[in-house]
Amino acid sequence: MTSPRYYEDSIPPDLLAPTPIPATGATAGIPGAWTPAGAAPPATVAALQAGSVTATPGTGWTTGQFVQTGTAGAAGRATWTGTDWVGGVAP
């Protein structure tokens, strides 16, 4: 027998969930990682380009390296050229 679970109607469940921390950095890899650890990635490549995420290393990423935004699949991949974020993986 399980205990009944109660929900306090005056407190919506989304208020109890932790607010994700937006990513402030990205580390090269296949795939790369967002920093700080556990941070939420930008939703799209366009959001990444419009934001202020710092790439590590700051030089152009090497062949195949990318980070995955919140958009699934190839459309959500981005790489650092050394000066700008661009969609896709490093050539």
N, C-alpha and C. Protein backbone atom coordinates (compact mmCIF):
# COMPACT_ATOMS: atom_id res chain seq x y z
N MET A 1 0.85 -1.18 0.00
CA MET A 1 0.00 0.00 0.00
C MET A 1 0.89 1.24 0.00
N THR A 2 0.60 2.15 -0.89
CA THR A 2 1.37 3.38 -0.95
C THR A 2 0.65 4.50 -0.22
N SER A 3 1.43 5.42 0.26
CA SER A 3 0.86 6.57 0.95
C SER A 3 0.28 7.53 -0.09
N PRO A 4 -0.81 8.19 0.25
CA PRO A 4 -1.36 9.16 -0.70
C PRO A 4 -0.40 10.34 -0.85
N ARG A 5 -0.39 10.90 -2.03
CA ARG A 5 0.44 12.07 -2.29
C ARG A 5 -0.47 13.28 -2.36
N TYR A 6 -0.07 14.32 -1.69
CA TYR A 6 -0.89 15.52 -1.64
C TYR A 6 -0.21 16.66 -2.39
N TYR A 7 -1.01 17.49 -2.98
CA TYR A 7 -0.53 18.66 -3.68
C TYR A 7 -1.23 19.87 -3.08
N GLU A 8 -0.45 20.80 -2.65
CA GLU A 8 -0.99 22.04 -2.09
C GLU A 8 -1.36 22.94 -3.26
N ASP A 9 -2.66 23.12 -3.51
CA ASP A 9 -3.12 23.89 -4.67
C ASP A 9 -2.64 25.34 -4.69
N SER A 10 -2.27 25.87 -3.56
CA SER A 10 -1.85 27.26 -3.54
C SER A 10 -0.40 27.45 -4.02
N ILE A 11 0.35 26.36 -4.20
CA ILE A 11 1.74 26.45 -4.66
C ILE A 11 1.88 25.63 -5.93
N PRO A 12 1.94 26.30 -7.09
CA PRO A 12 2.11 25.55 -8.34
C PRO A 12 3.46 24.81 -8.34
N PRO A 13 3.49 23.60 -8.87
CA PRO A 13 4.73 22.81 -8.86
C PRO A 13 5.91 23.50 -9.54
N ASP A 14 5.67 24.33 -10.57
CA ASP A 14 6.79 24.97 -11.25
C ASP A 14 7.51 25.99 -10.37
N LEU A 15 6.87 26.46 -9.32
CA LEU A 15 7.54 27.36 -8.39
C LEU A 15 8.51 26.62 -7.48
N LEU A 16 8.31 25.32 -7.35
CA LEU A 16 9.17 24.52 -6.50
C LEU A 16 10.40 23.99 -7.25
N ALA A 17 10.36 24.03 -8.58
CA ALA A 17 11.47 23.54 -9.38
C ALA A 17 12.58 24.58 -9.40
N PRO A 18 13.84 24.14 -9.39
CA PRO A 18 14.93 25.10 -9.44
C PRO A 18 14.97 25.83 -10.79
N THR A 19 15.34 27.09 -10.77
CA THR A 19 15.48 27.86 -12.00
C THR A 19 16.83 27.54 -12.62
N PRO A 20 16.84 27.11 -13.90
CA PRO A 20 18.12 26.77 -14.52
C PRO A 20 19.02 28.00 -14.65
N ILE A 21 20.29 27.77 -14.48
CA ILE A 21 21.29 28.83 -14.64
C ILE A 21 21.69 28.87 -16.10
N PRO A 22 21.62 30.03 -16.76
CA PRO A 22 22.03 30.08 -18.17
C PRO A 22 23.54 29.90 -18.32
N ALA A 23 23.92 29.25 -19.39
CA ALA A 23 25.34 29.03 -19.67
C ALA A 23 26.04 30.36 -19.91
N THR A 24 27.24 30.48 -19.36
CA THR A 24 28.06 31.67 -19.59
C THR A 24 29.32 31.32 -20.38
N GLY A 25 29.57 30.03 -20.56
CA GLY A 25 30.75 29.58 -21.29
C GLY A 25 30.49 28.28 -22.00
N ALA A 26 31.36 27.96 -22.95
CA ALA A 26 31.28 26.71 -23.69
C ALA A 26 32.70 26.21 -23.93
N THR A 27 32.91 24.93 -23.68
CA THR A 27 34.22 24.31 -23.86
C THR A 27 34.15 23.39 -25.06
N ALA A 28 35.14 23.48 -25.95
CA ALA A 28 35.18 22.69 -27.17
C ALA A 28 35.19 21.20 -26.86
N GLY A 29 34.56 20.43 -27.72
CA GLY A 29 34.54 18.98 -27.60
C GLY A 29 33.66 18.39 -28.69
N ILE A 30 33.46 17.07 -28.63
CA ILE A 30 32.61 16.37 -29.60
C ILE A 30 31.62 15.50 -28.84
N PRO A 31 30.55 16.02 -28.29
CA PRO A 31 30.23 17.44 -28.25
C PRO A 31 30.94 18.14 -27.10
N GLY A 32 30.93 19.45 -27.14
CA GLY A 32 31.52 20.26 -26.07
C GLY A 32 30.57 20.35 -24.89
N ALA A 33 30.95 21.13 -23.90
CA ALA A 33 30.16 21.26 -22.67
C ALA A 33 29.88 22.72 -22.38
N TRP A 34 28.75 22.95 -21.73
CA TRP A 34 28.38 24.29 -21.29
C TRP A 34 28.89 24.50 -19.88
N THR A 35 29.26 25.73 -19.57
CA THR A 35 29.70 26.06 -18.23
C THR A 35 28.88 27.23 -17.71
N PRO A 36 28.69 27.27 -16.37
CA PRO A 36 29.15 26.33 -15.37
C PRO A 36 28.44 24.99 -15.51
N ALA A 37 28.98 23.98 -14.87
CA ALA A 37 28.41 22.63 -14.94
C ALA A 37 26.92 22.68 -14.58
N GLY A 38 26.11 22.02 -15.39
CA GLY A 38 24.67 21.96 -15.16
C GLY A 38 23.90 23.14 -15.71
N ALA A 39 24.60 24.09 -16.35
CA ALA A 39 23.94 25.27 -16.89
C ALA A 39 23.07 24.92 -18.08
N ALA A 40 22.03 25.70 -18.29
CA ALA A 40 21.13 25.50 -19.42
C ALA A 40 21.74 26.13 -20.67
N PRO A 41 21.78 25.39 -21.77
CA PRO A 41 22.34 25.95 -23.00
C PRO A 41 21.39 26.98 -23.62
N PRO A 42 21.90 27.84 -24.49
CA PRO A 42 21.00 28.72 -25.24
C PRO A 42 20.01 27.86 -26.04
N ALA A 43 18.82 28.37 -26.26
CA ALA A 43 17.78 27.59 -26.93
C ALA A 43 18.11 27.27 -28.38
N THR A 44 18.77 28.18 -29.07
CA THR A 44 19.07 28.02 -30.49
C THR A 44 20.45 28.58 -30.80
N VAL A 45 20.92 28.33 -32.01
CA VAL A 45 22.19 28.92 -32.45
C VAL A 45 22.05 30.44 -32.48
N ALA A 46 20.91 30.94 -32.95
CA ALA A 46 20.69 32.39 -32.99
C ALA A 46 20.75 33.00 -31.59
N ALA A 47 20.18 32.32 -30.61
CA ALA A 47 20.23 32.81 -29.23
C ALA A 47 21.68 32.82 -28.73
N LEU A 48 22.45 31.80 -29.09
CA LEU A 48 23.87 31.76 -28.72
C LEU A 48 24.60 32.94 -29.34
N GLN A 49 24.35 33.21 -30.61
CA GLN A 49 25.01 34.32 -31.31
C GLN A 49 24.62 35.66 -30.72
N ALA A 50 23.40 35.79 -30.22
CA ALA A 50 22.92 37.05 -29.65
C ALA A 50 23.35 37.24 -28.20
N GLY A 51 23.82 36.16 -27.57
CA GLY A 51 24.21 36.22 -26.17
C GLY A 51 25.66 36.59 -25.96
N SER A 52 26.14 36.24 -24.77
CA SER A 52 27.54 36.56 -24.43
C SER A 52 28.24 35.36 -23.83
N VAL A 53 28.15 34.22 -24.52
CA VAL A 53 28.80 32.99 -24.06
C VAL A 53 30.27 33.03 -24.48
N THR A 54 31.16 32.77 -23.55
CA THR A 54 32.60 32.77 -23.80
C THR A 54 33.07 31.38 -24.23
N ALA A 55 33.79 31.31 -25.33
CA ALA A 55 34.30 30.04 -25.84
C ALA A 55 35.67 29.73 -25.23
N THR A 56 35.87 28.44 -24.92
CA THR A 56 37.17 27.95 -24.43
C THR A 56 37.55 26.75 -25.27
N PRO A 57 38.68 26.76 -25.95
CA PRO A 57 39.63 27.86 -26.04
C PRO A 57 39.05 29.00 -26.88
N GLY A 58 39.69 30.15 -26.80
CA GLY A 58 39.25 31.32 -27.54
C GLY A 58 39.67 31.31 -29.00
N THR A 59 40.56 30.40 -29.35
CA THR A 59 40.96 30.24 -30.75
C THR A 59 39.92 29.38 -31.45
N GLY A 60 39.97 29.33 -32.77
CA GLY A 60 39.02 28.52 -33.52
C GLY A 60 39.06 27.05 -33.09
N TRP A 61 37.90 26.47 -32.94
CA TRP A 61 37.82 25.07 -32.54
C TRP A 61 38.27 24.17 -33.68
N THR A 62 38.76 22.98 -33.33
CA THR A 62 39.32 22.08 -34.33
C THR A 62 38.26 21.16 -34.92
N THR A 63 38.63 20.48 -35.96
CA THR A 63 37.73 19.63 -36.75
C THR A 63 36.79 18.79 -35.90
N GLY A 64 35.50 18.95 -36.19
CA GLY A 64 34.46 18.15 -35.56
C GLY A 64 33.94 18.68 -34.24
N GLN A 65 34.57 19.70 -33.67
CA GLN A 65 34.14 20.19 -32.36
C GLN A 65 32.92 21.09 -32.47
N PHE A 66 32.03 20.98 -31.47
CA PHE A 66 30.80 21.77 -31.44
C PHE A 66 30.18 21.70 -30.05
N VAL A 67 29.20 22.56 -29.81
CA VAL A 67 28.33 22.46 -28.65
C VAL A 67 26.91 22.31 -29.17
N GLN A 68 26.07 21.67 -28.39
CA GLN A 68 24.67 21.45 -28.77
C GLN A 68 23.79 22.42 -28.00
N THR A 69 23.06 23.27 -28.72
CA THR A 69 22.12 24.18 -28.07
C THR A 69 20.87 23.39 -27.66
N GLY A 70 19.86 24.08 -27.22
CA GLY A 70 18.61 23.43 -26.83
C GLY A 70 17.84 22.85 -28.00
N THR A 71 18.22 23.20 -29.22
CA THR A 71 17.60 22.64 -30.42
C THR A 71 18.25 21.30 -30.73
N ALA A 72 17.44 20.27 -30.89
CA ALA A 72 17.97 18.93 -31.12
C ALA A 72 18.57 18.79 -32.52
N GLY A 73 19.51 17.87 -32.64
CA GLY A 73 20.08 17.52 -33.94
C GLY A 73 21.04 18.53 -34.51
N ALA A 74 21.33 18.35 -35.80
CA ALA A 74 22.33 19.18 -36.48
C ALA A 74 21.97 20.67 -36.47
N ALA A 75 20.68 21.00 -36.48
CA ALA A 75 20.26 22.41 -36.49
C ALA A 75 20.64 23.13 -35.20
N GLY A 76 20.90 22.39 -34.14
CA GLY A 76 21.24 23.00 -32.86
C GLY A 76 22.73 23.03 -32.55
N ARG A 77 23.56 22.59 -33.49
CA ARG A 77 25.00 22.55 -33.25
C ARG A 77 25.64 23.89 -33.61
N ALA A 78 26.65 24.27 -32.82
CA ALA A 78 27.37 25.52 -33.08
C ALA A 78 28.85 25.32 -32.74
N THR A 79 29.68 26.08 -33.43
CA THR A 79 31.12 26.03 -33.18
C THR A 79 31.67 27.45 -33.13
N TRP A 80 32.85 27.58 -32.54
CA TRP A 80 33.51 28.87 -32.39
C TRP A 80 34.61 28.98 -33.44
N THR A 81 34.60 30.07 -34.22
CA THR A 81 35.59 30.26 -35.28
C THR A 81 36.86 30.96 -34.79
N GLY A 82 36.83 31.46 -33.60
CA GLY A 82 37.91 32.27 -33.08
C GLY A 82 37.46 33.72 -32.94
N THR A 83 36.38 34.06 -33.66
CA THR A 83 35.81 35.41 -33.58
C THR A 83 34.30 35.40 -33.43
N ASP A 84 33.64 34.35 -33.91
CA ASP A 84 32.17 34.30 -33.91
C ASP A 84 31.66 32.89 -33.69
N TRP A 85 30.42 32.81 -33.17
CA TRP A 85 29.70 31.55 -33.12
C TRP A 85 29.01 31.35 -34.47
N VAL A 86 29.15 30.15 -35.04
CA VAL A 86 28.47 29.81 -36.29
C VAL A 86 27.79 28.47 -36.13
N GLY A 87 26.75 28.26 -36.92
CA GLY A 87 26.05 26.98 -36.89
C GLY A 87 26.89 25.87 -37.47
N GLY A 88 26.71 24.65 -36.94
CA GLY A 88 27.40 23.48 -37.45
C GLY A 88 28.58 23.06 -36.60
N VAL A 89 29.41 22.20 -37.17
CA VAL A 89 30.60 21.71 -36.49
C VAL A 89 31.83 22.31 -37.15
N ALA A 90 32.93 22.36 -36.42
CA ALA A 90 34.16 22.93 -36.97
C ALA A 90 34.64 22.10 -38.15
N PRO A 91 34.98 22.74 -39.25
CA PRO A 91 35.44 22.00 -40.44
C PRO A 91 36.82 21.42 -40.24
